[in-house]
Protein backbone atom coordinates (compact mmCIF):
# COMPACT_ATOMS: atom_id res chain seq x y z
CA UNK A 1 0.23 -0.20 -0.08
CA UNK A 2 1.33 3.50 -0.58
CA UNK A 3 1.55 5.72 2.24
CA UNK A 4 3.46 8.39 0.91
CA UNK A 5 2.51 11.88 2.20
CA UNK A 6 4.47 15.03 0.52
CA UNK A 7 3.63 18.40 2.18
CA UNK A 8 4.52 21.80 0.62
CA UNK A 9 6.43 23.95 2.11
CA UNK A 10 4.27 26.70 4.57
CA UNK A 11 5.62 29.16 6.87
CA UNK A 12 3.59 31.70 9.23
CA UNK A 13 2.04 33.84 5.99
CA UNK A 14 0.57 30.33 4.93
CA UNK A 15 -3.32 30.27 4.90
CA UNK A 16 -3.11 26.27 4.11
CA UNK A 17 -0.99 23.18 4.27
CA UNK A 18 -1.30 21.58 0.83
CA UNK A 19 -0.01 18.62 -0.87
CA UNK A 20 -0.49 15.04 -2.00
CA UNK A 21 -0.85 11.48 -0.77
CA UNK A 22 -0.83 7.99 -1.78
CA UNK A 23 -3.67 5.75 -1.66
CA UNK A 24 -3.46 4.28 1.40
CA UNK A 25 -3.68 7.52 3.01
CA UNK A 26 -7.47 8.32 3.72
CA UNK A 27 -7.30 11.40 5.81
CA UNK A 28 -4.89 14.02 6.92
CA UNK A 29 -4.03 16.24 10.33
CA UNK A 30 -2.23 19.25 11.16
CA UNK A 31 -0.07 19.26 14.16
CA UNK A 32 1.62 22.41 15.28
CA UNK A 33 4.29 21.77 17.74
CA UNK A 34 3.14 18.23 18.60
CA UNK A 35 -0.66 19.26 19.16
CA UNK A 36 -3.43 18.21 16.43
CA UNK A 37 -5.04 21.35 15.36
CA UNK A 38 -7.17 20.89 11.92
CA UNK A 39 -8.10 18.00 10.07
CA UNK A 40 -8.07 18.17 6.55
CA UNK A 41 -9.49 16.52 3.27
CA UNK A 42 -7.90 14.02 0.79
CA UNK A 43 -9.15 14.79 -2.77
CA UNK A 44 -9.99 11.91 -5.07
CA UNK A 45 -7.04 13.11 -7.09
CA UNK A 46 -4.50 12.58 -3.96
CA UNK A 47 -4.20 16.13 -3.31
CA UNK A 48 -5.04 17.65 0.64
CA UNK A 49 -5.46 21.56 1.80
CA UNK A 50 -5.88 21.92 5.57
CA UNK A 51 -6.82 25.74 6.46
CA UNK A 52 -4.04 26.70 8.91
CA UNK A 53 -6.18 29.55 10.70
CA UNK A 54 -2.73 31.41 11.95
CA UNK A 55 -1.55 28.12 14.36
CA UNK A 56 1.62 28.88 12.32
CA UNK A 57 3.74 30.92 14.61
CA UNK A 58 7.63 31.79 14.65
CA UNK A 59 9.50 28.74 15.20
CA UNK A 60 6.54 26.33 15.34
CA UNK A 61 7.04 22.47 14.53
CA UNK A 62 4.66 22.04 11.36
CA UNK A 63 3.21 18.59 10.63
CA UNK A 64 1.04 16.45 8.50
CA UNK A 65 -0.30 13.30 9.48
CA UNK A 66 -1.63 10.97 7.57
CA UNK A 67 -4.16 8.26 8.57
CA UNK A 68 -5.77 5.35 6.73
CA UNK A 69 -9.44 5.03 8.67
CA UNK A 70 -8.28 5.78 12.31
CA UNK A 71 -4.61 4.93 12.24
CA UNK A 72 -1.96 7.03 11.85
CA UNK A 73 0.43 5.72 9.22
CA UNK A 74 2.95 8.51 8.15
CA UNK A 75 4.01 12.06 9.49
CA UNK A 76 6.41 14.67 7.28
CA UNK A 77 7.36 18.03 8.70
CA UNK A 78 6.36 21.01 6.50
CA UNK A 79 9.63 23.02 5.88
CA UNK A 80 9.40 26.64 6.38
């Protein structure tokens, strides 16, 4: 199964985190400094977008977590 997760770069000015996932990833969540803040939607073409809602601050660790049903399968940092 393809559990790949490729988030695009993001920083404090980003309004959303976007990227692509493999077929095995059915949901994504945004974590800031290790705390899950938002849930995003995976589109049928394998792209995703999660609104940041101004959660990202200077020095924050930004991660996108990929899920298959309810189990975490992959976690990637978004570079700023």
